[in-house]
Structure formats: structure tokens, C-alpha cells
């Protein structure tokens, strides 16, 4: 019985892996191109960070913003690098978010 179960499970996996995509692969090119054009990466000078806990606090807050793709804060460099969709978020919102945490973004 166990052998039949494994055979059925294996067959199901193989069948699902062989499913083909009937859509045209070029259908999403304009959307992908627009998304790439809207991506921005900026580095902000952030004062007040003293440890990795500070880094995590900033990264977590930024990751909750719709449109932020990635963020990295480094307390030893007093900086935060953020990649985001510029149609959904801007530098002002990123700065306000960090400042509201008790740190200071300086120009």
C-alpha cells in the first residue's frame, strides 16, 4: 500500500511539473520595463544609530512601506540604502519614517 501511495504522489508531482504556460512570454515586457524604470535606489545619511538593533529597527520600518523593495542600514557607516518603486513612495516618506523612529536623516 505504501508503495502505491508513493507512486501516486510521485506521478502527481511529475504531472504538475510538466504543465506548460500557454501565455505569451512577451505579454509582460512593457510592464516589466516600466517597473524597472520606476525603481530607485538611494543612500540616506542617518545619525543616531549605535548598534545592529538600530539597523534592524530601521530596516523593519522601511520594509513595511508599500513600494520598498529592500533596505539596508549600517550603523558604522551612518547610512541606510533603500531600493523602492518611485511611483509608490518617495524620499520624503522614507526620511519621515526614519525620523519618526528617533533617528535623524541629514542631507
N, C-alpha and C. Protein backbone atom coordinates (compact mmCIF):
# COMPACT_ATOMS: atom_id res chain seq x y z
N UNK A 1 0.83 -1.19 0.00
CA UNK A 1 0.00 0.00 0.00
C UNK A 1 0.87 1.25 0.00
N UNK A 2 1.93 1.21 0.81
CA UNK A 2 2.82 2.35 0.90
C UNK A 2 3.48 2.65 -0.45
N UNK A 3 3.82 1.60 -1.18
CA UNK A 3 4.45 1.77 -2.49
C UNK A 3 3.50 2.44 -3.47
N UNK A 4 2.22 2.07 -3.42
CA UNK A 4 1.24 2.68 -4.31
C UNK A 4 1.04 4.16 -3.98
N UNK A 5 1.02 4.47 -2.72
CA UNK A 5 0.87 5.86 -2.30
C UNK A 5 2.04 6.71 -2.82
N UNK A 6 3.25 6.19 -2.67
CA UNK A 6 4.44 6.90 -3.13
C UNK A 6 4.40 7.05 -4.65
N UNK A 7 3.98 6.01 -5.36
CA UNK A 7 3.88 6.06 -6.81
C UNK A 7 2.86 7.11 -7.25
N UNK A 8 1.73 7.16 -6.60
CA UNK A 8 0.70 8.14 -6.93
C UNK A 8 1.20 9.56 -6.63
N UNK A 9 1.83 9.75 -5.51
CA UNK A 9 2.37 11.05 -5.15
C UNK A 9 3.42 11.51 -6.14
N UNK A 10 4.33 10.62 -6.49
CA UNK A 10 5.38 10.93 -7.44
C UNK A 10 4.79 11.28 -8.81
N UNK A 11 3.79 10.52 -9.24
CA UNK A 11 3.13 10.78 -10.53
C UNK A 11 2.46 12.14 -10.54
N UNK A 12 1.82 12.49 -9.45
CA UNK A 12 1.15 13.78 -9.34
C UNK A 12 2.16 14.92 -9.46
N UNK A 13 3.28 14.78 -8.81
CA UNK A 13 4.33 15.81 -8.88
C UNK A 13 4.84 15.94 -10.30
N UNK A 14 5.09 14.82 -10.94
CA UNK A 14 5.58 14.87 -12.32
C UNK A 14 4.58 15.52 -13.26
N UNK A 15 3.32 15.18 -13.11
CA UNK A 15 2.29 15.76 -13.97
C UNK A 15 2.20 17.26 -13.75
N UNK A 16 2.23 17.70 -12.50
CA UNK A 16 2.12 19.14 -12.23
C UNK A 16 3.36 19.89 -12.70
N UNK A 17 4.52 19.25 -12.69
CA UNK A 17 5.74 19.89 -13.16
C UNK A 17 5.76 20.03 -14.67
N UNK A 18 5.00 19.22 -15.37
CA UNK A 18 5.01 19.25 -16.83
C UNK A 18 3.94 20.17 -17.40
N UNK A 19 3.24 20.89 -16.56
CA UNK A 19 2.24 21.84 -17.04
C UNK A 19 2.94 22.93 -17.83
N UNK A 20 2.38 23.31 -18.95
CA UNK A 20 3.00 24.35 -19.78
C UNK A 20 2.25 25.65 -19.62
N UNK A 21 2.98 26.74 -19.79
CA UNK A 21 2.40 28.07 -19.73
C UNK A 21 1.90 28.42 -21.12
N UNK A 22 0.59 28.64 -21.25
CA UNK A 22 0.02 28.94 -22.56
C UNK A 22 0.08 30.42 -22.87
N UNK A 23 0.46 31.24 -21.92
CA UNK A 23 0.56 32.68 -22.16
C UNK A 23 1.80 33.01 -22.97
N UNK A 24 1.76 34.16 -23.60
CA UNK A 24 2.89 34.62 -24.38
C UNK A 24 3.91 35.25 -23.45
N UNK A 25 5.15 34.83 -23.52
CA UNK A 25 6.19 35.33 -22.62
C UNK A 25 6.47 36.81 -22.82
N UNK A 26 6.11 37.36 -23.96
CA UNK A 26 6.37 38.77 -24.22
C UNK A 26 5.24 39.67 -23.74
N UNK A 27 4.15 39.09 -23.24
CA UNK A 27 3.00 39.88 -22.81
C UNK A 27 3.35 40.86 -21.70
N UNK A 28 4.29 40.53 -20.83
CA UNK A 28 4.60 41.36 -19.67
C UNK A 28 5.77 42.30 -19.89
N UNK A 29 6.37 42.33 -21.07
CA UNK A 29 7.55 43.16 -21.29
C UNK A 29 7.30 44.64 -21.01
N UNK A 30 6.22 45.25 -21.49
CA UNK A 30 6.02 46.67 -21.17
C UNK A 30 5.88 46.92 -19.67
N UNK A 31 5.18 46.06 -18.97
CA UNK A 31 5.01 46.24 -17.53
C UNK A 31 6.33 46.07 -16.80
N UNK A 32 7.11 45.09 -17.21
CA UNK A 32 8.40 44.87 -16.57
C UNK A 32 9.33 46.04 -16.85
N UNK A 33 9.33 46.53 -18.07
CA UNK A 33 10.17 47.67 -18.43
C UNK A 33 9.80 48.91 -17.63
N UNK A 34 8.50 49.14 -17.48
CA UNK A 34 8.05 50.29 -16.69
C UNK A 34 8.43 50.14 -15.23
N UNK A 35 8.33 48.93 -14.71
CA UNK A 35 8.68 48.69 -13.31
C UNK A 35 10.16 48.94 -13.08
N UNK A 36 10.99 48.54 -14.01
CA UNK A 36 12.43 48.77 -13.88
C UNK A 36 12.73 50.25 -13.93
N UNK A 37 12.07 50.97 -14.80
CA UNK A 37 12.30 52.42 -14.90
C UNK A 37 11.90 53.15 -13.63
N UNK A 38 10.92 52.64 -12.91
CA UNK A 38 10.43 53.29 -11.70
C UNK A 38 11.24 52.94 -10.46
N UNK A 39 12.14 51.97 -10.57
CA UNK A 39 12.96 51.57 -9.42
C UNK A 39 14.06 52.59 -9.16
N UNK A 40 14.19 52.98 -7.92
CA UNK A 40 15.22 53.91 -7.49
C UNK A 40 15.95 53.32 -6.29
N UNK A 41 17.21 53.63 -6.18
CA UNK A 41 18.00 53.26 -5.00
C UNK A 41 18.70 54.51 -4.51
N UNK A 42 18.49 54.81 -3.23
CA UNK A 42 19.13 55.99 -2.65
C UNK A 42 19.85 55.60 -1.37
N UNK A 43 20.83 56.40 -1.02
CA UNK A 43 21.54 56.21 0.24
C UNK A 43 21.28 57.44 1.09
N UNK A 44 20.78 57.19 2.28
CA UNK A 44 20.48 58.27 3.22
C UNK A 44 21.50 58.28 4.34
N UNK A 45 21.93 59.46 4.74
CA UNK A 45 22.82 59.61 5.89
C UNK A 45 21.96 59.66 7.14
N UNK A 46 22.17 58.71 8.04
CA UNK A 46 21.32 58.58 9.22
C UNK A 46 22.18 58.67 10.48
N UNK A 47 21.88 59.62 11.32
CA UNK A 47 22.59 59.74 12.59
C UNK A 47 21.74 59.14 13.70
N UNK A 48 22.43 58.71 14.76
CA UNK A 48 21.72 58.19 15.93
C UNK A 48 21.75 56.68 16.05
N UNK A 49 22.18 55.98 15.00
CA UNK A 49 22.27 54.52 15.09
C UNK A 49 23.54 54.16 15.87
N UNK A 50 23.41 53.21 16.80
CA UNK A 50 24.56 52.82 17.60
C UNK A 50 24.85 51.32 17.57
N UNK A 51 23.93 50.52 17.01
CA UNK A 51 24.11 49.07 17.06
C UNK A 51 23.29 48.39 15.97
N UNK A 52 23.40 47.07 15.91
CA UNK A 52 22.64 46.31 14.92
C UNK A 52 21.14 46.34 15.22
N UNK A 53 20.80 46.54 16.47
CA UNK A 53 19.38 46.69 16.82
C UNK A 53 18.79 47.91 16.14
N UNK A 54 19.56 48.99 16.11
CA UNK A 54 19.11 50.21 15.41
C UNK A 54 18.93 49.92 13.92
N UNK A 55 19.88 49.19 13.35
CA UNK A 55 19.80 48.83 11.95
C UNK A 55 18.52 48.04 11.67
N UNK A 56 18.25 47.05 12.51
CA UNK A 56 17.06 46.22 12.34
C UNK A 56 15.77 47.02 12.48
N UNK A 57 15.76 47.97 13.40
CA UNK A 57 14.58 48.81 13.60
C UNK A 57 14.27 49.60 12.34
N UNK A 58 15.29 50.20 11.75
CA UNK A 58 15.10 50.99 10.53
C UNK A 58 14.70 50.10 9.37
N UNK A 59 15.40 48.99 9.18
CA UNK A 59 15.09 48.09 8.08
C UNK A 59 13.67 47.54 8.17
N UNK A 60 13.24 47.19 9.36
CA UNK A 60 11.89 46.67 9.56
C UNK A 60 10.84 47.72 9.24
N UNK A 61 11.05 48.93 9.71
CA UNK A 61 10.08 50.01 9.45
C UNK A 61 9.99 50.32 7.96
N UNK A 62 11.13 50.37 7.30
CA UNK A 62 11.13 50.67 5.87
C UNK A 62 10.49 49.55 5.07
N UNK A 63 10.70 48.31 5.47
CA UNK A 63 10.15 47.18 4.72
C UNK A 63 8.62 47.14 4.78
N UNK A 64 8.03 47.81 5.75
CA UNK A 64 6.58 47.83 5.88
C UNK A 64 5.92 48.85 4.94
N UNK A 65 6.71 49.69 4.30
CA UNK A 65 6.18 50.70 3.40
C UNK A 65 5.92 50.06 2.04
N UNK A 66 4.70 50.22 1.53
CA UNK A 66 4.35 49.70 0.22
C UNK A 66 5.24 50.36 -0.84
N UNK A 67 5.94 49.56 -1.60
CA UNK A 67 6.81 50.08 -2.64
C UNK A 67 8.28 49.93 -2.33
N UNK A 68 8.62 49.70 -1.06
CA UNK A 68 10.02 49.47 -0.70
C UNK A 68 10.36 48.03 -1.03
N UNK A 69 11.39 47.84 -1.83
CA UNK A 69 11.80 46.51 -2.26
C UNK A 69 12.86 45.95 -1.31
N UNK A 70 13.81 46.79 -0.91
CA UNK A 70 14.84 46.34 0.01
C UNK A 70 15.42 47.54 0.74
N UNK A 71 15.99 47.25 1.91
CA UNK A 71 16.67 48.30 2.67
C UNK A 71 17.79 47.67 3.47
N UNK A 72 18.83 48.47 3.67
CA UNK A 72 19.96 48.03 4.47
C UNK A 72 20.49 49.23 5.24
N UNK A 73 20.49 49.11 6.55
CA UNK A 73 21.03 50.17 7.40
C UNK A 73 22.34 49.66 8.00
N UNK A 74 23.33 50.54 8.05
CA UNK A 74 24.63 50.18 8.61
C UNK A 74 25.04 51.27 9.60
N UNK A 75 25.02 50.91 10.89
CA UNK A 75 25.29 51.92 11.91
C UNK A 75 26.72 52.43 11.87
N UNK A 76 27.68 51.59 11.48
CA UNK A 76 29.09 52.03 11.45
C UNK A 76 29.35 53.02 10.31
N UNK A 77 28.50 53.01 9.31
CA UNK A 77 28.63 53.96 8.20
C UNK A 77 27.62 55.10 8.30
N UNK A 78 26.75 55.02 9.30
CA UNK A 78 25.68 56.01 9.47
C UNK A 78 24.89 56.20 8.18
N UNK A 79 24.47 55.07 7.59
CA UNK A 79 23.74 55.16 6.33
C UNK A 79 22.65 54.10 6.23
N UNK A 80 21.71 54.40 5.38
CA UNK A 80 20.66 53.45 5.03
C UNK A 80 20.48 53.51 3.52
N UNK A 81 20.54 52.36 2.87
CA UNK A 81 20.34 52.27 1.43
C UNK A 81 18.99 51.63 1.19
N UNK A 82 18.19 52.30 0.36
CA UNK A 82 16.82 51.84 0.14
C UNK A 82 16.55 51.75 -1.35
N UNK A 83 15.99 50.62 -1.79
CA UNK A 83 15.52 50.44 -3.17
C UNK A 83 14.01 50.42 -3.13
N UNK A 84 13.39 51.21 -4.02
CA UNK A 84 11.94 51.38 -3.95
C UNK A 84 11.36 51.73 -5.30
N UNK A 85 10.04 51.54 -5.42
CA UNK A 85 9.28 51.92 -6.59
C UNK A 85 8.89 53.38 -6.42
N UNK A 86 9.41 54.23 -7.28
CA UNK A 86 9.19 55.67 -7.12
C UNK A 86 7.76 56.11 -7.43
N UNK A 87 6.93 55.21 -7.97
CA UNK A 87 5.53 55.56 -8.19
C UNK A 87 4.70 55.34 -6.93
N UNK A 88 5.29 54.62 -5.94
CA UNK A 88 4.55 54.32 -4.71
C UNK A 88 5.09 55.04 -3.48
N UNK A 89 6.36 55.41 -3.50
CA UNK A 89 6.98 56.00 -2.32
C UNK A 89 8.05 56.98 -2.79
N UNK A 90 8.33 57.98 -1.96
CA UNK A 90 9.37 58.94 -2.31
C UNK A 90 10.34 59.14 -1.14
N UNK A 91 11.37 59.91 -1.40
CA UNK A 91 12.41 60.17 -0.40
C UNK A 91 11.84 60.81 0.86
N UNK A 92 10.85 61.66 0.70
CA UNK A 92 10.26 62.36 1.85
C UNK A 92 9.64 61.36 2.82
N UNK A 93 8.90 60.39 2.31
CA UNK A 93 8.26 59.39 3.18
C UNK A 93 9.31 58.52 3.85
N UNK A 94 10.35 58.14 3.13
CA UNK A 94 11.42 57.34 3.72
C UNK A 94 12.11 58.10 4.84
N UNK A 95 12.39 59.37 4.60
CA UNK A 95 13.02 60.23 5.61
C UNK A 95 12.14 60.39 6.83
N UNK A 96 10.86 60.66 6.61
CA UNK A 96 9.92 60.82 7.73
C UNK A 96 9.83 59.54 8.56
N UNK A 97 9.82 58.40 7.89
CA UNK A 97 9.72 57.12 8.60
C UNK A 97 10.92 56.93 9.53
N UNK A 98 12.11 57.20 9.02
CA UNK A 98 13.32 57.06 9.83
C UNK A 98 13.34 58.08 10.96
N UNK A 99 12.99 59.32 10.66
CA UNK A 99 12.97 60.37 11.69
C UNK A 99 11.96 60.06 12.79
N UNK A 100 10.82 59.49 12.41
CA UNK A 100 9.79 59.13 13.41
C UNK A 100 10.24 58.03 14.35
N UNK A 101 11.27 57.30 13.97
CA UNK A 101 11.82 56.25 14.84
C UNK A 101 12.79 56.81 15.87
N UNK A 102 13.13 58.09 15.74
CA UNK A 102 14.05 58.70 16.69
C UNK A 102 15.46 58.89 16.13
N UNK A 103 15.66 58.54 14.89
CA UNK A 103 16.94 58.76 14.23
C UNK A 103 16.82 60.03 13.39
N UNK A 104 17.88 60.48 12.81
CA UNK A 104 17.83 61.72 12.04
C UNK A 104 18.48 61.51 10.68
N UNK A 105 17.72 61.75 9.61
CA UNK A 105 18.27 61.73 8.27
C UNK A 105 18.81 63.13 8.00
N UNK A 106 20.10 63.20 7.66
CA UNK A 106 20.73 64.50 7.37
C UNK A 106 21.09 64.57 5.89
N UNK A 107 20.97 65.75 5.35
CA UNK A 107 21.29 65.96 3.92
C UNK A 107 22.76 66.20 3.74
